[in-house]
N, C-alpha and C. Protein backbone atom coordinates (compact mmCIF):
# COMPACT_ATOMS: atom_id res chain seq x y z
N MET A 1 107.89 164.29 113.31
CA MET A 1 109.41 164.13 113.27
C MET A 1 109.76 163.40 114.47
N ALA A 2 111.20 163.01 114.24
CA ALA A 2 111.80 162.72 115.62
C ALA A 2 112.44 163.67 116.57
N ILE A 3 112.81 163.54 117.27
CA ILE A 3 113.37 164.34 118.39
C ILE A 3 114.85 164.71 118.21
N LYS A 4 115.46 165.68 118.35
CA LYS A 4 117.45 165.20 118.62
C LYS A 4 117.48 166.62 119.69
N ILE A 5 118.82 166.11 119.96
CA ILE A 5 119.30 166.81 121.14
C ILE A 5 120.37 167.58 120.70
N THR A 6 120.29 168.75 120.88
CA THR A 6 121.28 170.19 120.26
C THR A 6 122.76 170.28 121.09
N GLU A 7 123.42 171.01 120.63
CA GLU A 7 124.65 171.40 121.48
C GLU A 7 124.42 172.18 122.76
N GLU A 8 123.35 172.38 123.03
CA GLU A 8 122.91 172.98 124.14
C GLU A 8 122.96 172.04 125.40
N CYS A 9 123.04 171.13 125.64
CA CYS A 9 122.72 170.21 126.24
C CYS A 9 124.18 169.89 127.00
N ILE A 10 123.46 170.07 128.82
CA ILE A 10 124.30 170.18 129.49
C ILE A 10 125.10 168.57 129.92
N ASN A 11 124.36 167.47 129.45
CA ASN A 11 124.50 165.99 129.93
C ASN A 11 124.03 165.98 131.12
N CYS A 12 122.97 166.61 132.09
CA CYS A 12 122.29 166.19 133.08
C CYS A 12 121.75 164.72 132.95
N GLY A 13 121.28 163.96 131.69
CA GLY A 13 120.68 162.70 132.07
C GLY A 13 119.52 162.97 132.40
N ALA A 14 118.56 163.78 132.30
CA ALA A 14 117.12 164.04 132.99
C ALA A 14 116.32 163.38 131.93
N CYS A 15 116.57 163.40 130.54
CA CYS A 15 115.99 162.88 129.70
C CYS A 15 115.66 161.40 129.60
N GLU A 16 116.96 160.94 129.61
CA GLU A 16 117.03 159.18 129.45
C GLU A 16 116.10 158.62 130.10
N PRO A 17 115.76 158.47 131.31
CA PRO A 17 115.08 157.79 131.91
C PRO A 17 113.32 157.97 132.01
N GLU A 18 113.22 159.01 130.99
CA GLU A 18 111.71 159.35 130.32
C GLU A 18 111.45 158.56 129.29
N CYS A 19 112.34 158.39 128.46
CA CYS A 19 111.86 157.73 127.23
C CYS A 19 111.52 156.21 126.86
N PRO A 20 110.04 156.22 126.62
CA PRO A 20 109.44 154.90 126.71
C PRO A 20 109.65 154.10 125.87
N ASN A 21 110.87 154.63 124.82
CA ASN A 21 111.29 153.59 123.69
C ASN A 21 112.86 153.17 123.73
N THR A 22 113.58 153.71 125.19
CA THR A 22 114.49 154.04 125.48
C THR A 22 115.78 154.06 123.87
N ALA A 23 115.45 155.41 123.63
CA ALA A 23 116.24 155.80 122.09
C ALA A 23 116.91 156.67 122.91
N ILE A 24 117.16 157.50 123.67
CA ILE A 24 117.96 158.16 124.53
C ILE A 24 119.43 157.73 125.24
N TYR A 25 120.29 158.10 124.97
CA TYR A 25 121.57 157.50 125.23
C TYR A 25 122.73 158.20 125.75
N GLU A 26 123.31 158.23 127.15
CA GLU A 26 124.63 159.09 127.07
C GLU A 26 125.58 159.11 126.23
N GLY A 27 126.08 160.39 125.80
CA GLY A 27 127.21 159.87 124.87
C GLY A 27 128.06 158.84 124.89
N GLY A 28 128.90 158.64 123.90
CA GLY A 28 129.95 157.57 123.91
C GLY A 28 129.24 156.06 123.84
N ALA A 29 127.98 156.04 124.33
CA ALA A 29 127.42 154.64 124.49
C ALA A 29 126.87 154.08 123.40
N GLN A 30 127.32 152.70 123.40
CA GLN A 30 126.56 152.24 122.35
C GLN A 30 124.85 151.82 122.82
N TRP A 31 124.39 151.71 121.49
CA TRP A 31 122.99 151.20 121.77
C TRP A 31 122.41 149.87 121.07
N THR A 32 121.14 149.70 121.58
CA THR A 32 120.71 148.56 120.49
C THR A 32 119.34 149.02 120.35
N TYR A 33 118.81 148.05 118.97
CA TYR A 33 117.45 148.25 118.95
C TYR A 33 116.62 147.68 119.88
N ALA A 34 117.34 146.36 120.47
CA ALA A 34 116.50 145.69 121.28
C ALA A 34 116.12 146.19 123.01
N GLY A 35 116.93 146.99 123.51
CA GLY A 35 116.87 147.71 124.38
C GLY A 35 115.89 148.45 124.41
N GLY A 36 114.46 148.23 125.75
CA GLY A 36 113.54 148.92 125.82
C GLY A 36 112.50 148.45 125.05
N THR A 37 112.97 147.46 123.71
CA THR A 37 111.69 147.06 122.83
C THR A 37 111.27 145.89 123.01
N LYS A 38 110.60 145.47 122.10
CA LYS A 38 110.26 143.54 122.34
C LYS A 38 111.14 143.14 120.85
N LEU A 39 112.28 143.93 119.84
CA LEU A 39 112.50 143.73 118.85
C LEU A 39 113.53 142.32 118.80
N LYS A 40 113.61 141.69 118.29
CA LYS A 40 114.48 140.25 118.18
C LYS A 40 115.29 140.50 117.01
N VAL A 41 114.97 140.67 115.86
CA VAL A 41 115.57 140.90 114.42
C VAL A 41 115.10 142.50 114.00
N VAL A 42 116.11 142.99 113.48
CA VAL A 42 115.95 144.07 112.83
C VAL A 42 116.35 144.02 111.19
N THR A 43 115.63 144.49 110.31
CA THR A 43 116.05 144.71 109.00
C THR A 43 116.32 146.30 108.69
N LEU A 44 117.96 146.11 108.54
CA LEU A 44 118.48 147.81 108.01
C LEU A 44 117.72 147.98 106.58
N GLU A 45 117.84 149.43 106.50
CA GLU A 45 117.57 150.20 105.18
C GLU A 45 118.18 149.44 104.11
N ASP A 46 119.44 148.96 104.38
CA ASP A 46 120.13 148.23 102.79
C ASP A 46 119.47 146.81 102.87
N GLY A 47 118.68 146.31 103.58
CA GLY A 47 118.21 144.93 103.73
C GLY A 47 119.02 143.77 104.64
N THR A 48 119.95 144.22 105.06
CA THR A 48 120.48 143.49 106.09
C THR A 48 119.91 143.22 107.19
N GLU A 49 119.70 142.04 107.53
CA GLU A 49 118.82 141.32 109.06
C GLU A 49 120.37 141.51 109.84
N ILE A 50 119.79 142.22 111.22
CA ILE A 50 120.58 141.95 112.30
C ILE A 50 120.07 141.76 113.80
N ASP A 51 120.50 140.92 114.28
CA ASP A 51 119.94 140.58 115.82
C ASP A 51 119.86 141.96 116.55
N ALA A 52 118.63 142.13 117.02
CA ALA A 52 118.43 143.69 117.96
C ALA A 52 119.28 143.94 118.89
N ASN A 53 120.30 142.82 119.45
CA ASN A 53 120.81 143.09 120.74
C ASN A 53 122.43 143.63 120.37
N THR A 54 122.36 143.62 118.82
CA THR A 54 123.91 143.76 118.11
C THR A 54 123.99 145.46 118.64
N PRO A 55 125.27 145.81 119.24
CA PRO A 55 126.03 146.71 119.92
C PRO A 55 125.90 147.69 118.52
N MET A 56 125.34 149.38 118.71
CA MET A 56 125.69 149.99 117.59
C MET A 56 126.38 151.02 117.89
N GLU A 57 126.86 151.82 117.11
CA GLU A 57 127.85 153.09 117.26
C GLU A 57 127.34 154.20 117.72
N PRO A 58 127.36 154.88 118.68
CA PRO A 58 126.98 156.12 119.16
C PRO A 58 126.92 157.17 117.89
N VAL A 59 125.64 157.64 118.30
CA VAL A 59 125.29 159.12 117.57
C VAL A 59 126.04 160.16 117.47
N SER A 60 126.66 160.00 118.95
CA SER A 60 127.34 161.51 119.76
C SER A 60 128.48 161.03 120.52
N ASN A 61 129.56 161.04 120.43
CA ASN A 61 130.46 160.53 121.65
C ASN A 61 130.63 161.85 122.94
N ASP A 62 130.02 163.11 122.58
CA ASP A 62 130.10 163.87 123.92
C ASP A 62 129.04 164.28 124.33
N LEU A 63 127.74 163.98 123.84
CA LEU A 63 126.42 164.58 124.41
C LEU A 63 125.61 163.65 124.46
N TYR A 64 124.42 163.67 125.36
CA TYR A 64 123.21 162.44 125.10
C TYR A 64 122.46 162.84 123.74
N TYR A 65 122.34 161.38 123.19
CA TYR A 65 122.11 161.55 121.76
C TYR A 65 120.16 160.65 121.86
N ILE A 66 119.71 161.24 121.03
CA ILE A 66 118.37 160.26 120.57
C ILE A 66 118.86 159.24 119.23
N VAL A 67 118.64 157.88 119.29
CA VAL A 67 118.27 157.43 118.28
C VAL A 67 117.15 157.30 117.31
N SER A 68 116.82 158.27 116.44
CA SER A 68 115.63 158.44 115.64
C SER A 68 114.90 157.20 115.11
N SER A 69 115.68 156.69 114.60
CA SER A 69 114.69 155.15 114.17
C SER A 69 114.07 154.40 115.42
N LYS A 70 114.38 154.60 116.97
CA LYS A 70 113.44 154.29 118.08
C LYS A 70 112.38 155.50 118.49
N CYS A 71 113.21 156.99 117.97
CA CYS A 71 112.16 157.68 118.98
C CYS A 71 110.77 157.84 118.34
N THR A 72 109.62 157.63 118.84
CA THR A 72 108.07 158.14 118.65
C THR A 72 107.72 159.25 118.66
N GLU A 73 108.54 160.39 119.45
CA GLU A 73 107.94 161.84 119.98
C GLU A 73 106.88 161.43 121.19
N CYS A 74 107.02 159.76 121.86
CA CYS A 74 106.22 159.38 122.50
C CYS A 74 104.92 159.18 122.33
N THR A 75 104.48 159.41 121.27
CA THR A 75 103.04 159.09 120.44
C THR A 75 102.83 157.86 120.99
N GLY A 76 101.59 157.74 121.55
CA GLY A 76 101.12 156.56 122.09
C GLY A 76 101.47 156.39 123.40
N PHE A 77 101.77 157.23 124.35
CA PHE A 77 102.41 157.09 125.56
C PHE A 77 101.95 158.11 126.39
N HIS A 78 102.54 159.37 125.38
CA HIS A 78 101.88 160.47 126.48
C HIS A 78 101.87 161.72 125.41
N GLU A 79 101.42 162.69 125.67
CA GLU A 79 100.64 163.87 125.03
C GLU A 79 101.57 164.92 124.42
N GLU A 80 103.24 164.43 124.49
CA GLU A 80 103.99 165.25 124.30
C GLU A 80 105.30 164.84 124.40
N PRO A 81 106.48 164.71 123.72
CA PRO A 81 107.86 164.30 124.30
C PRO A 81 108.39 164.58 125.56
N GLN A 82 108.63 163.40 126.30
CA GLN A 82 108.43 163.46 127.75
C GLN A 82 110.02 164.17 128.06
N CYS A 83 111.15 163.66 126.74
CA CYS A 83 112.79 164.18 126.95
C CYS A 83 112.36 165.83 127.13
N ALA A 84 111.54 166.38 126.35
CA ALA A 84 111.38 168.04 125.94
C ALA A 84 110.87 168.67 127.09
N ALA A 85 109.97 167.53 127.66
CA ALA A 85 109.31 167.86 128.89
C ALA A 85 110.09 168.71 130.05
N VAL A 86 111.27 167.37 130.52
CA VAL A 86 112.08 167.53 131.39
C VAL A 86 113.31 168.20 131.34
N CYS A 87 113.29 168.63 130.31
CA CYS A 87 114.74 168.80 129.82
C CYS A 87 115.17 170.32 130.43
N PRO A 88 115.85 170.36 131.54
CA PRO A 88 116.12 172.10 132.04
C PRO A 88 116.53 172.77 130.80
N VAL A 89 117.13 172.33 129.65
CA VAL A 89 117.78 173.73 129.00
C VAL A 89 117.16 173.86 127.72
N ASP A 90 116.22 173.09 127.41
CA ASP A 90 115.25 173.31 126.42
C ASP A 90 116.46 172.56 124.90
N CYS A 91 116.89 171.36 125.07
CA CYS A 91 117.72 171.00 124.03
C CYS A 91 117.33 170.25 123.33
N CYS A 92 116.14 169.37 123.73
CA CYS A 92 115.46 168.34 123.10
C CYS A 92 114.14 168.84 122.02
N VAL A 93 114.54 169.09 120.98
CA VAL A 93 113.82 169.89 119.53
C VAL A 93 113.64 169.22 118.98
N ASP A 94 112.56 169.38 118.22
CA ASP A 94 111.92 168.50 116.62
C ASP A 94 113.29 168.66 115.69
N ASP A 95 113.44 167.39 115.11
CA ASP A 95 114.49 167.04 114.22
C ASP A 95 114.04 167.23 112.55
N PRO A 96 114.32 168.63 112.20
CA PRO A 96 113.95 168.81 110.83
C PRO A 96 114.42 167.63 109.58
N ASP A 97 115.40 166.94 109.91
CA ASP A 97 115.88 165.98 108.87
C ASP A 97 115.41 164.55 109.10
N VAL A 98 114.28 164.65 110.27
CA VAL A 98 113.63 163.24 110.51
C VAL A 98 112.08 163.55 110.62
N ARG A 99 111.28 163.63 109.24
CA ARG A 99 110.18 164.08 109.48
C ARG A 99 109.02 162.86 109.39
N GLU A 100 108.20 162.76 110.13
CA GLU A 100 107.25 161.09 110.34
C GLU A 100 105.86 161.65 110.57
N THR A 101 104.75 161.36 109.90
CA THR A 101 103.70 161.64 110.44
C THR A 101 102.96 160.70 111.46
N GLU A 102 101.73 161.15 112.16
CA GLU A 102 101.34 160.78 113.80
C GLU A 102 101.03 158.99 113.03
N GLU A 103 100.84 158.72 111.82
CA GLU A 103 100.41 157.26 111.63
C GLU A 103 101.47 156.91 111.33
N GLU A 104 102.59 157.29 111.09
CA GLU A 104 103.96 156.57 111.04
C GLU A 104 104.86 156.31 112.35
N LEU A 105 104.52 157.44 113.08
CA LEU A 105 104.96 157.07 114.56
C LEU A 105 104.25 155.70 115.01
N ILE A 106 103.04 156.00 114.92
CA ILE A 106 101.75 155.14 116.12
C ILE A 106 102.43 153.37 115.25
N ALA A 107 102.82 153.24 113.70
CA ALA A 107 103.12 152.33 113.68
C ALA A 107 104.63 151.76 113.97
N LYS A 108 105.44 153.01 113.64
CA LYS A 108 106.78 152.67 114.92
C LYS A 108 106.62 152.06 116.26
N LYS A 109 105.80 152.78 116.90
CA LYS A 109 105.65 152.31 118.25
C LYS A 109 104.97 150.93 118.31
N LYS A 110 104.28 150.51 117.68
CA LYS A 110 103.64 149.06 117.05
C LYS A 110 105.25 148.34 116.69
N TRP A 111 105.87 148.48 116.28
CA TRP A 111 106.83 147.50 115.75
C TRP A 111 107.65 147.80 117.19
N LEU A 112 108.45 148.85 117.67
CA LEU A 112 109.05 148.54 118.52
C LEU A 112 108.62 147.57 119.68
N HIS A 113 107.22 147.67 120.12
CA HIS A 113 106.59 146.89 120.97
C HIS A 113 105.83 145.58 120.81
N GLY A 114 105.81 145.81 119.68
CA GLY A 114 105.22 144.00 119.31
C GLY A 114 103.88 144.09 119.44
N GLU A 115 103.31 145.23 119.49
CA GLU A 115 101.74 145.38 119.60
C GLU A 115 100.44 145.14 118.35
């Protein structure tokens, strides 16, 4: 499963630089699939293809947030999610709404980084 940031977040920003996929953004910040990845074009769930540099709407306007489609729980990089490891208030937690197997997380890492 992906990681999410709960409302207990104090907006310290400790998590953001730790993410190997650049899946964490400050509240209100637009994000892109290309940021921190090798993606050039992305096919969305509805079949639409977009340039990976297309700015996407923030997931949260108030708190740091994690883009679940870019989160691999640090699989293939670290033994544990680094955002959770550095969070001083333990607000980086498993997202029960986004469940993925280790194989799916490894495949996502390969997709993101062109491996």
